[in-house]
Amino acid sequence: MRKKIIRLKETTSTNDYIRNCWEQADLLVVAADFQTAGRGQGSNSWESEPGKNLLFSMLVHPTMVPLGRQFLLSMTEALALKEALDSFAPGFRVKWPNDIYWEDFKVSGTLIETTLSAGHVKDCIFGTGIDVNQSVFHSDAPNPLSLCSIVGKEVKPDKVLKRVVEAFEKYYSLLSEGSYTDISALYHEALYRRHGFFPYRDKEGVFEAAIVEVEDSGQLVLRDRADRFRSYGFKEISFILPQRS
């Protein structure tokens, strides 16, 4: 796999930069010390002190992935992030769809943008933020946590990036080989709240449920206390998290 890594001091967002970049590679990575307009999912912004965290985007051209199964791309990157962070400390999980949690705290989030063509995914951009060394957060995000708070010392963001890219190459190779079942099984094994009943909120209110599966389309399937199966797309359900003390 031909890869190219570009490092920037500052940009509006690494997704914007990589989208307009002329560099050619099977895997193009752009990392920045600071983003002036970093985005999270929807209208959310991503808070990050300059130079403290890891802010990066990866661009691939997964034409082998058919429409209807493109959530496998999200699974692939989430597994890479988890494996990279697991090399620093145990206890990381993947919160559906692709956040990385340590216990009940969010360490990483990813915004994914895809371009479709002729029944396949032409381009895919993963825009990821990992809280590495920031100790104080000022936004209203309910549960951010940095890697340094978990391991008890500062970690070089470039070291984290190196491990993410290495892990991503491994899982992306599995995806390229058509090992969809393996990727899905690993993703399910890594899921936050994989076992047991927990509180959720949808448009009808609060209920308790257990995770049944995440379909290749990305739908989250839950089973509630009445043994009723419920299926949700992204933003159709919220995880109710424990209150921080």
C-alpha atoms as a PDB file:
ATOM      1  CA  MET A   1       0.000   0.000   0.000  1.00  0.00           C
ATOM      2  CA  ARG A   2       1.507   3.331  -1.071  1.00  0.00           C
ATOM      3  CA  LYS A   3       1.111   5.828   1.750  1.00  0.00           C
ATOM      4  CA  LYS A   4       1.946   9.482   2.254  1.00  0.00           C
ATOM      5  CA  ILE A   5       1.874  11.356   5.563  1.00  0.00           C
ATOM      6  CA  ILE A   6       1.650  15.173   5.593  1.00  0.00           C
ATOM      7  CA  ARG A   7       2.139  17.129   8.821  1.00  0.00           C
ATOM      8  CA  LEU A   8       0.832  20.682   9.227  1.00  0.00           C
ATOM      9  CA  LYS A   9       1.123  23.267  11.994  1.00  0.00           C
ATOM     10  CA  GLU A  10      -2.374  24.625  11.383  1.00  0.00           C
ATOM     11  CA  THR A  11      -5.286  24.256   8.960  1.00  0.00           C
ATOM     12  CA  THR A  12      -9.030  24.888   8.955  1.00  0.00           C
ATOM     13  CA  SER A  13      -9.673  21.155   9.189  1.00  0.00           C
ATOM     14  CA  THR A  14      -7.663  18.173   8.045  1.00  0.00           C
ATOM     15  CA  ASN A  15     -10.739  16.889   6.189  1.00  0.00           C
ATOM     16  CA  ASP A  16     -10.878  20.118   4.167  1.00  0.00           C
ATOM     17  CA  TYR A  17      -7.155  19.960   3.453  1.00  0.00           C
ATOM     18  CA  ILE A  18      -7.098  16.321   2.382  1.00  0.00           C
ATOM     19  CA  ARG A  19     -10.187  16.746   0.209  1.00  0.00           C
ATOM     20  CA  ASN A  20      -8.362  19.354  -1.882  1.00  0.00           C
ATOM     21  CA  CYS A  21      -4.921  17.760  -1.773  1.00  0.00           C
ATOM     22  CA  TRP A  22      -3.228  16.768  -5.044  1.00  0.00           C
ATOM     23  CA  GLU A  23      -0.971  14.154  -3.487  1.00  0.00           C
ATOM     24  CA  GLN A  24      -1.565  10.648  -4.849  1.00  0.00           C
ATOM     25  CA  ALA A  25      -1.416   7.612  -2.550  1.00  0.00           C
ATOM     26  CA  ASP A  26      -3.380   4.506  -1.651  1.00  0.00           C
ATOM     27  CA  LEU A  27      -3.435   5.889   1.886  1.00  0.00           C
ATOM     28  CA  LEU A  28      -3.031   9.635   2.347  1.00  0.00           C
ATOM     29  CA  VAL A  29      -2.738  10.938   5.910  1.00  0.00           C
ATOM     30  CA  VAL A  30      -2.830  14.600   6.961  1.00  0.00           C
ATOM     31  CA  ALA A  31      -2.150  15.541  10.589  1.00  0.00           C
ATOM     32  CA  ALA A  32      -2.260  19.030  12.105  1.00  0.00           C
ATOM     33  CA  ASP A  33      -1.189  20.536  15.421  1.00  0.00           C
ATOM     34  CA  PHE A  34      -4.285  22.739  15.384  1.00  0.00           C
ATOM     35  CA  GLN A  35      -7.542  23.126  13.476  1.00  0.00           C
ATOM     36  CA  THR A  36      -9.296  26.488  13.319  1.00  0.00           C
ATOM     37  CA  ALA A  37     -12.579  24.866  12.224  1.00  0.00           C
ATOM     38  CA  GLY A  38     -12.393  21.280  13.390  1.00  0.00           C
ATOM     39  CA  ARG A  39     -15.727  19.519  13.207  1.00  0.00           C
ATOM     40  CA  GLY A  40     -17.395  16.664  15.010  1.00  0.00           C
ATOM     41  CA  GLN A  41     -20.553  14.889  13.946  1.00  0.00           C
ATOM     42  CA  GLY A  42     -23.410  17.063  12.734  1.00  0.00           C
ATOM     43  CA  SER A  43     -23.024  20.671  13.874  1.00  0.00           C
ATOM     44  CA  ASN A  44     -20.627  19.777  16.693  1.00  0.00           C
ATOM     45  CA  SER A  45     -17.102  21.213  16.883  1.00  0.00           C
ATOM     46  CA  TRP A  46     -14.042  19.376  18.171  1.00  0.00           C
ATOM     47  CA  GLU A  47     -12.251  21.080  21.059  1.00  0.00           C
ATOM     48  CA  SER A  48      -8.472  20.783  21.067  1.00  0.00           C
ATOM     49  CA  GLU A  49      -5.635  22.850  22.504  1.00  0.00           C
ATOM     50  CA  PRO A  50      -2.870  23.588  19.952  1.00  0.00           C
ATOM     51  CA  GLY A  51      -0.244  20.864  19.881  1.00  0.00           C
ATOM     52  CA  LYS A  52      -1.844  18.837  22.670  1.00  0.00           C
ATOM     53  CA  ASN A  53      -3.848  16.256  20.762  1.00  0.00           C
ATOM     54  CA  LEU A  54      -3.829  14.185  17.590  1.00  0.00           C
ATOM     55  CA  LEU A  55      -5.919  15.662  14.775  1.00  0.00           C
ATOM     56  CA  PHE A  56      -5.719  13.865  11.454  1.00  0.00           C
ATOM     57  CA  SER A  57      -7.547  12.670   8.358  1.00  0.00           C
ATOM     58  CA  MET A  58      -6.996   9.573   6.244  1.00  0.00           C
ATOM     59  CA  LEU A  59      -8.084   9.247   2.618  1.00  0.00           C
ATOM     60  CA  VAL A  60      -8.493   5.870   0.907  1.00  0.00           C
ATOM     61  CA  HIS A  61     -10.175   4.695  -2.283  1.00  0.00           C
ATOM     62  CA  PRO A  62     -12.141   1.598  -1.248  1.00  0.00           C
ATOM     63  CA  THR A  63     -13.755   0.771  -4.587  1.00  0.00           C
ATOM     64  CA  MET A  64     -14.009  -2.876  -3.505  1.00  0.00           C
ATOM     65  CA  VAL A  65     -16.644  -2.001  -0.880  1.00  0.00           C
ATOM     66  CA  PRO A  66     -20.199  -2.274  -2.254  1.00  0.00           C
ATOM     67  CA  LEU A  67     -22.956   0.133  -1.335  1.00  0.00           C
ATOM     68  CA  GLY A  68     -25.006  -1.161   1.549  1.00  0.00           C
ATOM     69  CA  ARG A  69     -21.889  -2.443   3.301  1.00  0.00           C
ATOM     70  CA  GLN A  70     -19.963   0.800   3.575  1.00  0.00           C
ATOM     71  CA  PHE A  71     -20.246   0.808   7.372  1.00  0.00           C
ATOM     72  CA  LEU A  72     -17.492  -1.802   7.220  1.00  0.00           C
ATOM     73  CA  LEU A  73     -15.187   1.154   6.578  1.00  0.00           C
ATOM     74  CA  SER A  74     -16.238   2.692   9.885  1.00  0.00           C
ATOM     75  CA  MET A  75     -15.659  -0.658  11.591  1.00  0.00           C
ATOM     76  CA  THR A  76     -12.205  -0.903  10.037  1.00  0.00           C
ATOM     77  CA  GLU A  77     -11.028   2.487  11.251  1.00  0.00           C
ATOM     78  CA  ALA A  78     -12.563   2.057  14.703  1.00  0.00           C
ATOM     79  CA  LEU A  79     -10.706  -1.230  15.157  1.00  0.00           C
ATOM     80  CA  ALA A  80      -7.448   0.452  14.136  1.00  0.00           C
ATOM     81  CA  LEU A  81      -7.966   3.264  16.652  1.00  0.00           C
ATOM     82  CA  LYS A  82      -8.784   0.825  19.433  1.00  0.00           C
ATOM     83  CA  GLU A  83      -5.755  -1.347  18.690  1.00  0.00           C
ATOM     84  CA  ALA A  84      -3.443   1.672  18.642  1.00  0.00           C
ATOM     85  CA  LEU A  85      -4.775   2.949  21.980  1.00  0.00           C
ATOM     86  CA  ASP A  86      -4.730  -0.549  23.483  1.00  0.00           C
ATOM     87  CA  SER A  87      -0.953  -0.480  23.019  1.00  0.00           C
ATOM     88  CA  PHE A  88      -0.808   2.279  25.660  1.00  0.00           C
ATOM     89  CA  ALA A  89      -3.380   0.992  28.175  1.00  0.00           C
ATOM     90  CA  PRO A  90      -6.132  -1.635  28.468  1.00  0.00           C
ATOM     91  CA  GLY A  91      -9.847  -0.907  28.635  1.00  0.00           C
ATOM     92  CA  PHE A  92     -10.682   0.850  25.362  1.00  0.00           C
ATOM     93  CA  ARG A  93     -13.970   0.061  23.609  1.00  0.00           C
ATOM     94  CA  VAL A  94     -15.756   1.137  20.432  1.00  0.00           C
ATOM     95  CA  LYS A  95     -18.973   3.042  21.103  1.00  0.00           C
ATOM     96  CA  TRP A  96     -21.350   2.744  18.159  1.00  0.00           C
ATOM     97  CA  PRO A  97     -20.904   4.000  15.579  1.00  0.00           C
ATOM     98  CA  ASN A  98     -17.178   4.837  15.830  1.00  0.00           C
ATOM     99  CA  ASP A  99     -16.242   6.728  19.010  1.00  0.00           C
ATOM    100  CA  ILE A 100     -13.493   5.269  21.170  1.00  0.00           C
ATOM    101  CA  TYR A 101     -14.256   5.092  24.879  1.00  0.00           C
ATOM    102  CA  TRP A 102     -12.235   4.253  27.962  1.00  0.00           C
ATOM    103  CA  GLU A 103     -14.737   3.059  30.548  1.00  0.00           C
ATOM    104  CA  ASP A 104     -17.514   5.679  30.215  1.00  0.00           C
ATOM    105  CA  PHE A 105     -15.289   8.453  28.848  1.00  0.00           C
ATOM    106  CA  LYS A 106     -14.794   9.562  25.256  1.00  0.00           C
ATOM    107  CA  VAL A 107     -11.202   9.627  24.026  1.00  0.00           C
ATOM    108  CA  SER A 108     -11.694   9.776  20.251  1.00  0.00           C
ATOM    109  CA  GLY A 109     -14.292  10.723  17.659  1.00  0.00           C
ATOM    110  CA  THR A 110     -14.374  10.380  13.883  1.00  0.00           C
ATOM    111  CA  LEU A 111     -16.263  12.157  11.109  1.00  0.00           C
ATOM    112  CA  ILE A 112     -16.486  10.019   7.942  1.00  0.00           C
ATOM    113  CA  GLU A 113     -17.178  11.413   4.466  1.00  0.00           C
ATOM    114  CA  THR A 114     -17.668   9.157   1.439  1.00  0.00           C
ATOM    115  CA  THR A 115     -17.952   9.717  -2.295  1.00  0.00           C
ATOM    116  CA  LEU A 116     -19.979   7.144  -4.217  1.00  0.00           C
ATOM    117  CA  SER A 117     -19.648   6.021  -7.828  1.00  0.00           C
ATOM    118  CA  ALA A 118     -21.110   3.174  -9.902  1.00  0.00           C
ATOM    119  CA  GLY A 119     -22.462   1.188  -6.979  1.00  0.00           C
ATOM    120  CA  HIS A 120     -19.267   1.377  -4.908  1.00  0.00           C
ATOM    121  CA  VAL A 121     -17.466   3.711  -2.547  1.00  0.00           C
ATOM    122  CA  LYS A 122     -15.030   5.799  -4.601  1.00  0.00           C
ATOM    123  CA  ASP A 123     -13.335   7.799  -1.831  1.00  0.00           C
ATOM    124  CA  CYS A 124     -13.523   7.718   1.943  1.00  0.00           C
ATOM    125  CA  ILE A 125     -12.153  10.341   4.335  1.00  0.00           C
ATOM    126  CA  PHE A 126     -11.820   9.562   8.043  1.00  0.00           C
ATOM    127  CA  GLY A 127     -11.436  12.767  10.069  1.00  0.00           C
ATOM    128  CA  THR A 128     -10.343  11.793  13.571  1.00  0.00           C
ATOM    129  CA  GLY A 129      -9.532  13.563  16.809  1.00  0.00           C
ATOM    130  CA  ILE A 130      -7.844  11.755  19.686  1.00  0.00           C
ATOM    131  CA  ASP A 131      -7.515  13.493  23.041  1.00  0.00           C
ATOM    132  CA  VAL A 132      -3.883  12.768  23.868  1.00  0.00           C
ATOM    133  CA  ASN A 133      -2.479  15.354  26.289  1.00  0.00           C
ATOM    134  CA  GLN A 134      -5.234  17.909  26.988  1.00  0.00           C
ATOM    135  CA  SER A 135      -6.073  17.968  30.691  1.00  0.00           C
ATOM    136  CA  VAL A 136      -8.801  20.635  30.873  1.00  0.00           C
ATOM    137  CA  PHE A 137     -11.837  20.825  28.573  1.00  0.00           C
ATOM    138  CA  HIS A 138     -13.991  23.934  28.257  1.00  0.00           C
ATOM    139  CA  SER A 139     -16.759  22.801  25.900  1.00  0.00           C
ATOM    140  CA  ASP A 140     -20.035  21.280  27.055  1.00  0.00           C
ATOM    141  CA  ALA A 141     -18.982  17.805  25.914  1.00  0.00           C
ATOM    142  CA  PRO A 142     -20.211  15.527  28.712  1.00  0.00           C
ATOM    143  CA  ASN A 143     -17.344  13.074  29.128  1.00  0.00           C
ATOM    144  CA  PRO A 144     -14.011  13.860  27.397  1.00  0.00           C
ATOM    145  CA  LEU A 145     -10.834  12.209  28.637  1.00  0.00           C
ATOM    146  CA  SER A 146      -7.253  12.252  27.389  1.00  0.00           C
ATOM    147  CA  LEU A 147      -4.847   9.378  26.963  1.00  0.00           C
ATOM    148  CA  CYS A 148      -2.362  11.057  29.317  1.00  0.00           C
ATOM    149  CA  SER A 149      -4.940  10.981  32.120  1.00  0.00           C
ATOM    150  CA  ILE A 150      -5.283   7.226  31.630  1.00  0.00           C
ATOM    151  CA  VAL A 151      -1.583   6.341  31.449  1.00  0.00           C
ATOM    152  CA  GLY A 152      -0.417   8.983  33.923  1.00  0.00           C
ATOM    153  CA  LYS A 153       2.039  10.779  31.644  1.00  0.00           C
ATOM    154  CA  GLU A 154       2.141  12.745  28.408  1.00  0.00           C
ATOM    155  CA  VAL A 155       2.328  10.810  25.147  1.00  0.00           C
ATOM    156  CA  LYS A 156       3.784  12.068  21.875  1.00  0.00           C
ATOM    157  CA  PRO A 157       0.908  12.500  19.364  1.00  0.00           C
ATOM    158  CA  ASP A 158       3.176  11.328  16.519  1.00  0.00           C
ATOM    159  CA  LYS A 159       3.722   8.064  18.366  1.00  0.00           C
ATOM    160  CA  VAL A 160      -0.038   7.534  18.533  1.00  0.00           C
ATOM    161  CA  LEU A 161      -0.422   8.411  14.841  1.00  0.00           C
ATOM    162  CA  LYS A 162       2.260   5.896  13.843  1.00  0.00           C
ATOM    163  CA  ARG A 163       0.439   3.113  15.672  1.00  0.00           C
ATOM    164  CA  VAL A 164      -2.938   4.127  14.226  1.00  0.00           C
ATOM    165  CA  VAL A 165      -1.603   4.060  10.656  1.00  0.00           C
ATOM    166  CA  GLU A 166       0.066   0.683  11.180  1.00  0.00           C
ATOM    167  CA  ALA A 167      -3.120  -0.819  12.606  1.00  0.00           C
ATOM    168  CA  PHE A 168      -5.268   0.746   9.896  1.00  0.00           C
ATOM    169  CA  GLU A 169      -3.103  -0.784   7.164  1.00  0.00           C
ATOM    170  CA  LYS A 170      -3.642  -4.207   8.744  1.00  0.00           C
ATOM    171  CA  TYR A 171      -7.420  -3.942   9.003  1.00  0.00           C
ATOM    172  CA  TYR A 172      -7.785  -2.250   5.626  1.00  0.00           C
ATOM    173  CA  SER A 173      -5.905  -5.181   4.100  1.00  0.00           C
ATOM    174  CA  LEU A 174      -8.502  -7.515   5.619  1.00  0.00           C
ATOM    175  CA  LEU A 175     -11.247  -5.370   4.126  1.00  0.00           C
ATOM    176  CA  SER A 176      -9.551  -5.418   0.713  1.00  0.00           C
ATOM    177  CA  GLU A 177      -9.405  -9.217   0.876  1.00  0.00           C
ATOM    178  CA  GLY A 178     -13.152  -9.366   1.475  1.00  0.00           C
ATOM    179  CA  SER A 179     -12.852 -10.567   5.083  1.00  0.00           C
ATOM    180  CA  TYR A 180     -16.074  -8.800   6.010  1.00  0.00           C
ATOM    181  CA  THR A 181     -17.154 -11.422   8.541  1.00  0.00           C
ATOM    182  CA  ASP A 182     -13.849 -11.177  10.410  1.00  0.00           C
ATOM    183  CA  ILE A 183     -14.012  -7.386  10.593  1.00  0.00           C
ATOM    184  CA  SER A 184     -17.620  -7.455  11.786  1.00  0.00           C
ATOM    185  CA  ALA A 185     -16.843 -10.075  14.441  1.00  0.00           C
ATOM    186  CA  LEU A 186     -13.884  -8.086  15.778  1.00  0.00           C
ATOM    187  CA  TYR A 187     -15.963  -4.904  15.830  1.00  0.00           C
ATOM    188  CA  HIS A 188     -18.759  -6.591  17.776  1.00  0.00           C
ATOM    189  CA  GLU A 189     -16.272  -8.030  20.253  1.00  0.00           C
ATOM    190  CA  ALA A 190     -14.867  -4.523  20.816  1.00  0.00           C
ATOM    191  CA  LEU A 191     -18.216  -2.777  21.353  1.00  0.00           C
ATOM    192  CA  TYR A 192     -18.891  -0.585  24.365  1.00  0.00           C
ATOM    193  CA  ARG A 193     -21.846  -2.055  26.299  1.00  0.00           C
ATOM    194  CA  ARG A 194     -21.552  -5.280  24.317  1.00  0.00           C
ATOM    195  CA  HIS A 195     -23.060  -7.345  27.131  1.00  0.00           C
ATOM    196  CA  GLY A 196     -25.944  -6.516  29.438  1.00  0.00           C
ATOM    197  CA  PHE A 197     -28.844  -4.056  29.588  1.00  0.00           C
ATOM    198  CA  PHE A 198     -28.199  -0.302  29.660  1.00  0.00           C
ATOM    199  CA  PRO A 199     -30.320   2.875  29.397  1.00  0.00           C
ATOM    200  CA  TYR A 200     -30.954   4.529  26.022  1.00  0.00           C
ATOM    201  CA  ARG A 201     -33.158   7.333  24.782  1.00  0.00           C
ATOM    202  CA  ASP A 202     -35.054   7.525  21.481  1.00  0.00           C
ATOM    203  CA  LYS A 203     -37.878   9.775  20.296  1.00  0.00           C
ATOM    204  CA  GLU A 204     -40.334   7.820  22.460  1.00  0.00           C
ATOM    205  CA  GLY A 205     -38.344   8.198  25.666  1.00  0.00           C
ATOM    206  CA  VAL A 206     -35.953   6.288  27.910  1.00  0.00           C
ATOM    207  CA  PHE A 207     -35.715   2.502  27.972  1.00  0.00           C
ATOM    208  CA  GLU A 208     -33.268  -0.253  28.827  1.00  0.00           C
ATOM    209  CA  ALA A 209     -31.923  -2.595  26.175  1.00  0.00           C
ATOM    210  CA  ALA A 210     -29.075  -4.890  25.201  1.00  0.00           C
ATOM    211  CA  ILE A 211     -27.101  -4.731  21.966  1.00  0.00           C
ATOM    212  CA  VAL A 212     -28.009  -7.499  19.520  1.00  0.00           C
ATOM    213  CA  GLU A 213     -25.810  -6.493  16.594  1.00  0.00           C
ATOM    214  CA  VAL A 214     -24.627  -3.726  14.315  1.00  0.00           C
ATOM    215  CA  GLU A 215     -25.561  -4.499  10.735  1.00  0.00           C
ATOM    216  CA  ASP A 216     -23.117  -3.942   7.851  1.00  0.00           C
ATOM    217  CA  SER A 217     -25.345  -1.014   6.858  1.00  0.00           C
ATOM    218  CA  GLY A 218     -24.593   0.585  10.234  1.00  0.00           C
ATOM    219  CA  GLN A 219     -27.989   0.037  11.867  1.00  0.00           C
ATOM    220  CA  LEU A 220     -27.807  -0.624  15.608  1.00  0.00           C
ATOM    221  CA  VAL A 221     -30.165  -3.409  16.678  1.00  0.00           C
ATOM    222  CA  LEU A 222     -31.231  -3.522  20.334  1.00  0.00           C
ATOM    223  CA  ARG A 223     -33.467  -5.853  22.362  1.00  0.00           C
ATOM    224  CA  ASP A 224     -35.448  -4.182  25.133  1.00  0.00           C
ATOM    225  CA  ARG A 225     -36.698  -5.630  28.418  1.00  0.00           C
ATOM    226  CA  ALA A 226     -39.927  -6.737  26.716  1.00  0.00           C
ATOM    227  CA  ASP A 227     -37.902  -8.759  24.177  1.00  0.00           C
ATOM    228  CA  ARG A 228     -38.819  -6.295  21.434  1.00  0.00           C
ATOM    229  CA  PHE A 229     -36.175  -5.683  18.794  1.00  0.00           C
ATOM    230  CA  ARG A 230     -35.470  -2.051  17.922  1.00  0.00           C
ATOM    231  CA  SER A 231     -33.329  -0.846  14.999  1.00  0.00           C
ATOM    232  CA  TYR A 232     -31.723   2.606  14.810  1.00  0.00           C
ATOM    233  CA  GLY A 233     -29.715   4.680  12.404  1.00  0.00           C
ATOM    234  CA  PHE A 234     -27.158   7.235  13.528  1.00  0.00           C
ATOM    235  CA  LYS A 235     -28.619  10.140  15.577  1.00  0.00           C
ATOM    236  CA  GLU A 236     -31.872   8.204  16.125  1.00  0.00           C
ATOM    237  CA  ILE A 237     -30.813   7.034  19.594  1.00  0.00           C
ATOM    238  CA  SER A 238     -28.683   8.296  22.461  1.00  0.00           C
ATOM    239  CA  PHE A 239     -26.649   6.350  25.018  1.00  0.00           C
ATOM    240  CA  ILE A 240     -27.480   7.551  28.528  1.00  0.00           C
ATOM    241  CA  LEU A 241     -24.148   7.839  30.303  1.00  0.00           C
ATOM    242  CA  PRO A 242     -23.417   7.726  34.039  1.00  0.00           C
ATOM    243  CA  GLN A 243     -23.200  11.109  35.715  1.00  0.00           C
ATOM    244  CA  ARG A 244     -19.649  12.279  36.372  1.00  0.00           C
ATOM    245  CA  SER A 245     -18.866  12.911  40.030  1.00  0.00           C
END
